[in-house]
Amino acid sequence: MDFSVTVTSHGRWEILRVGGEIDMATAPRFRQRLRAVIDTGAHHVVIDLSEVDFIDSTGLGVLLGAVKRVRGEGGDIRLVTTGTRLTGLIEITRLDRMLDVFDTVAAAVADPGDAGEPER
């Protein structure tokens, strides 16, 4: 499957919609796009993985690196996942303890005071 990343904005949030597989071959492109967004000063980033079929340890490393960088600048990264396999991987690796994980982009960009608990 092809790899793709599109970037849109919603209020203070930059949304990266990722599609395909994030593995050794595509992780450098994912890292590059994510860094480019963060380098523009984005401190509130939603990474929509709902169209991702597979992510390996290299892709997970890209996510962790971005989390450290954005949080180091006082920001936040949120994930959107819908596939049970990907959601299971995020739980097994305990990324769900580091990041808020949502079922939809709308829930991820909602004001935490309005959204209540994150959808898991």
C-alpha atoms as a PDB file:
ATOM      1  CA  MET A   1       0.000   0.000   0.000  1.00  0.00           C
ATOM      2  CA  ASP A   2       1.153   3.533  -0.695  1.00  0.00           C
ATOM      3  CA  PHE A   3       2.249   5.809   2.117  1.00  0.00           C
ATOM      4  CA  SER A   4       0.767   9.285   2.401  1.00  0.00           C
ATOM      5  CA  VAL A   5       0.651  12.200   4.804  1.00  0.00           C
ATOM      6  CA  THR A   6      -1.622  15.201   4.464  1.00  0.00           C
ATOM      7  CA  VAL A   7      -1.612  18.164   6.799  1.00  0.00           C
ATOM      8  CA  THR A   8      -4.580  20.348   7.681  1.00  0.00           C
ATOM      9  CA  SER A   9      -5.358  22.766  10.483  1.00  0.00           C
ATOM     10  CA  HIS A  10      -8.246  22.970  12.901  1.00  0.00           C
ATOM     11  CA  GLY A  11      -8.010  25.882  15.301  1.00  0.00           C
ATOM     12  CA  ARG A  12      -4.740  25.577  17.220  1.00  0.00           C
ATOM     13  CA  TRP A  13      -4.274  21.947  16.084  1.00  0.00           C
ATOM     14  CA  GLU A  14      -2.234  20.756  13.128  1.00  0.00           C
ATOM     15  CA  ILE A  15      -3.631  17.452  11.892  1.00  0.00           C
ATOM     16  CA  LEU A  16      -1.451  14.911  10.104  1.00  0.00           C
ATOM     17  CA  ARG A  17      -3.549  12.271   8.348  1.00  0.00           C
ATOM     18  CA  VAL A  18      -1.335   9.301   7.649  1.00  0.00           C
ATOM     19  CA  GLY A  19      -2.219   6.448   5.309  1.00  0.00           C
ATOM     20  CA  GLY A  20      -0.589   3.150   4.405  1.00  0.00           C
ATOM     21  CA  GLU A  21       2.246   1.528   6.305  1.00  0.00           C
ATOM     22  CA  ILE A  22       4.811   3.166   8.571  1.00  0.00           C
ATOM     23  CA  ASP A  23       7.889   0.981   8.476  1.00  0.00           C
ATOM     24  CA  MET A  24      11.632   1.210   7.862  1.00  0.00           C
ATOM     25  CA  ALA A  25      11.031   2.330   4.294  1.00  0.00           C
ATOM     26  CA  THR A  26       8.443   5.038   5.011  1.00  0.00           C
ATOM     27  CA  ALA A  27       9.378   6.199   8.538  1.00  0.00           C
ATOM     28  CA  PRO A  28      11.956   8.725   7.242  1.00  0.00           C
ATOM     29  CA  ARG A  29       9.250  10.447   5.154  1.00  0.00           C
ATOM     30  CA  PHE A  30       6.876  10.375   8.134  1.00  0.00           C
ATOM     31  CA  ARG A  31       9.583  11.877  10.379  1.00  0.00           C
ATOM     32  CA  GLN A  32      10.359  14.553   7.801  1.00  0.00           C
ATOM     33  CA  ARG A  33       6.711  15.642   7.444  1.00  0.00           C
ATOM     34  CA  LEU A  34       6.166  15.590  11.201  1.00  0.00           C
ATOM     35  CA  ARG A  35       9.331  17.623  11.837  1.00  0.00           C
ATOM     36  CA  ALA A  36       8.348  20.109   9.138  1.00  0.00           C
ATOM     37  CA  VAL A  37       5.034  20.717  10.892  1.00  0.00           C
ATOM     38  CA  ILE A  38       6.670  21.068  14.301  1.00  0.00           C
ATOM     39  CA  ASP A  39       9.363  23.366  12.853  1.00  0.00           C
ATOM     40  CA  THR A  40       6.647  25.805  11.783  1.00  0.00           C
ATOM     41  CA  GLY A  41       5.894  26.331  15.468  1.00  0.00           C
ATOM     42  CA  ALA A  42       3.033  23.862  15.808  1.00  0.00           C
ATOM     43  CA  HIS A  43       2.809  22.806  19.434  1.00  0.00           C
ATOM     44  CA  HIS A  44      -0.553  21.059  19.226  1.00  0.00           C
ATOM     45  CA  VAL A  45      -0.497  18.128  16.816  1.00  0.00           C
ATOM     46  CA  VAL A  46      -3.015  15.393  16.092  1.00  0.00           C
ATOM     47  CA  ILE A  47      -1.677  12.349  14.263  1.00  0.00           C
ATOM     48  CA  ASP A  48      -4.546  10.528  12.589  1.00  0.00           C
ATOM     49  CA  LEU A  49      -3.524   6.899  12.130  1.00  0.00           C
ATOM     50  CA  SER A  50      -6.996   5.674  11.195  1.00  0.00           C
ATOM     51  CA  GLU A  51      -5.815   4.868   7.652  1.00  0.00           C
ATOM     52  CA  VAL A  52      -2.574   3.205   8.767  1.00  0.00           C
ATOM     53  CA  ASP A  53      -2.517  -0.536   8.185  1.00  0.00           C
ATOM     54  CA  PHE A  54       0.799  -1.284   9.892  1.00  0.00           C
ATOM     55  CA  ILE A  55       3.385   0.447  12.040  1.00  0.00           C
ATOM     56  CA  ASP A  56       6.693  -1.067  13.099  1.00  0.00           C
ATOM     57  CA  SER A  57       9.176  -0.103  15.806  1.00  0.00           C
ATOM     58  CA  THR A  58      10.762   2.495  13.529  1.00  0.00           C
ATOM     59  CA  GLY A  59       7.419   4.251  13.156  1.00  0.00           C
ATOM     60  CA  LEU A  60       6.783   4.040  16.890  1.00  0.00           C
ATOM     61  CA  GLY A  61      10.198   5.624  17.416  1.00  0.00           C
ATOM     62  CA  VAL A  62       9.191   8.538  15.192  1.00  0.00           C
ATOM     63  CA  LEU A  63       6.090   9.054  17.337  1.00  0.00           C
ATOM     64  CA  LEU A  64       8.105   8.970  20.563  1.00  0.00           C
ATOM     65  CA  GLY A  65      10.645  11.441  19.223  1.00  0.00           C
ATOM     66  CA  ALA A  66       7.896  13.849  18.223  1.00  0.00           C
ATOM     67  CA  VAL A  67       6.221  13.539  21.619  1.00  0.00           C
ATOM     68  CA  LYS A  68       9.452  14.401  23.427  1.00  0.00           C
ATOM     69  CA  ARG A  69      10.107  17.377  21.188  1.00  0.00           C
ATOM     70  CA  VAL A  70       6.609  18.851  21.290  1.00  0.00           C
ATOM     71  CA  ARG A  71       6.164  18.323  25.014  1.00  0.00           C
ATOM     72  CA  GLY A  72       9.600  19.824  25.604  1.00  0.00           C
ATOM     73  CA  GLU A  73       8.218  22.983  24.004  1.00  0.00           C
ATOM     74  CA  GLY A  74       5.077  22.938  26.155  1.00  0.00           C
ATOM     75  CA  GLY A  75       2.825  21.369  23.520  1.00  0.00           C
ATOM     76  CA  ASP A  76       0.735  18.248  23.070  1.00  0.00           C
ATOM     77  CA  ILE A  77       0.421  15.388  20.589  1.00  0.00           C
ATOM     78  CA  ARG A  78      -2.732  13.300  20.343  1.00  0.00           C
ATOM     79  CA  LEU A  79      -3.345  10.118  18.356  1.00  0.00           C
ATOM     80  CA  VAL A  80      -6.404   8.950  16.465  1.00  0.00           C
ATOM     81  CA  THR A  81      -6.755   5.219  15.839  1.00  0.00           C
ATOM     82  CA  THR A  82      -9.712   3.142  14.759  1.00  0.00           C
ATOM     83  CA  GLY A  83      -8.237  -0.251  13.921  1.00  0.00           C
ATOM     84  CA  THR A  84      -8.236  -2.769  16.716  1.00  0.00           C
ATOM     85  CA  ARG A  85      -4.822  -4.152  15.689  1.00  0.00           C
ATOM     86  CA  LEU A  86      -3.166  -0.739  15.780  1.00  0.00           C
ATOM     87  CA  THR A  87      -4.989   0.198  18.972  1.00  0.00           C
ATOM     88  CA  GLY A  88      -3.805  -3.061  20.531  1.00  0.00           C
ATOM     89  CA  LEU A  89      -0.209  -2.309  19.553  1.00  0.00           C
ATOM     90  CA  ILE A  90      -0.440   1.136  21.119  1.00  0.00           C
ATOM     91  CA  GLU A  91      -1.758  -0.424  24.318  1.00  0.00           C
ATOM     92  CA  ILE A  92       0.882  -3.195  24.377  1.00  0.00           C
ATOM     93  CA  THR A  93       3.686  -0.667  23.931  1.00  0.00           C
ATOM     94  CA  ARG A  94       2.051   1.567  26.552  1.00  0.00           C
ATOM     95  CA  LEU A  95       1.945   4.549  24.223  1.00  0.00           C
ATOM     96  CA  ASP A  96      -1.615   5.057  25.432  1.00  0.00           C
ATOM     97  CA  ARG A  97      -0.111   5.999  28.810  1.00  0.00           C
ATOM     98  CA  MET A  98       2.043   8.676  27.179  1.00  0.00           C
ATOM     99  CA  LEU A  99      -0.513  10.001  24.717  1.00  0.00           C
ATOM    100  CA  ASP A 100      -4.213  10.622  24.655  1.00  0.00           C
ATOM    101  CA  VAL A 101      -5.746   8.284  22.075  1.00  0.00           C
ATOM    102  CA  PHE A 102      -9.057   9.121  20.425  1.00  0.00           C
ATOM    103  CA  ASP A 103     -11.474   7.402  18.061  1.00  0.00           C
ATOM    104  CA  THR A 104     -12.015  10.473  15.862  1.00  0.00           C
ATOM    105  CA  VAL A 105     -10.196  13.643  14.860  1.00  0.00           C
ATOM    106  CA  ALA A 106     -13.181  15.684  16.094  1.00  0.00           C
ATOM    107  CA  ALA A 107     -12.758  14.238  19.582  1.00  0.00           C
ATOM    108  CA  ALA A 108      -9.003  14.811  19.496  1.00  0.00           C
ATOM    109  CA  VAL A 109      -9.287  18.516  18.639  1.00  0.00           C
ATOM    110  CA  ALA A 110     -12.112  19.189  21.099  1.00  0.00           C
ATOM    111  CA  ASP A 111     -11.342  21.358  24.100  1.00  0.00           C
ATOM    112  CA  PRO A 112     -10.490  18.982  26.957  1.00  0.00           C
ATOM    113  CA  GLY A 113     -13.058  20.774  29.131  1.00  0.00           C
ATOM    114  CA  ASP A 114     -15.744  19.995  26.560  1.00  0.00           C
ATOM    115  CA  ALA A 115     -14.625  16.485  25.631  1.00  0.00           C
ATOM    116  CA  GLY A 116     -14.434  14.874  29.062  1.00  0.00           C
ATOM    117  CA  GLU A 117     -12.320  11.748  29.151  1.00  0.00           C
ATOM    118  CA  PRO A 118     -10.462  10.785  25.974  1.00  0.00           C
ATOM    119  CA  GLU A 119     -12.128   8.099  23.910  1.00  0.00           C
ATOM    120  CA  ARG A 120     -10.042   4.949  24.086  1.00  0.00           C
END
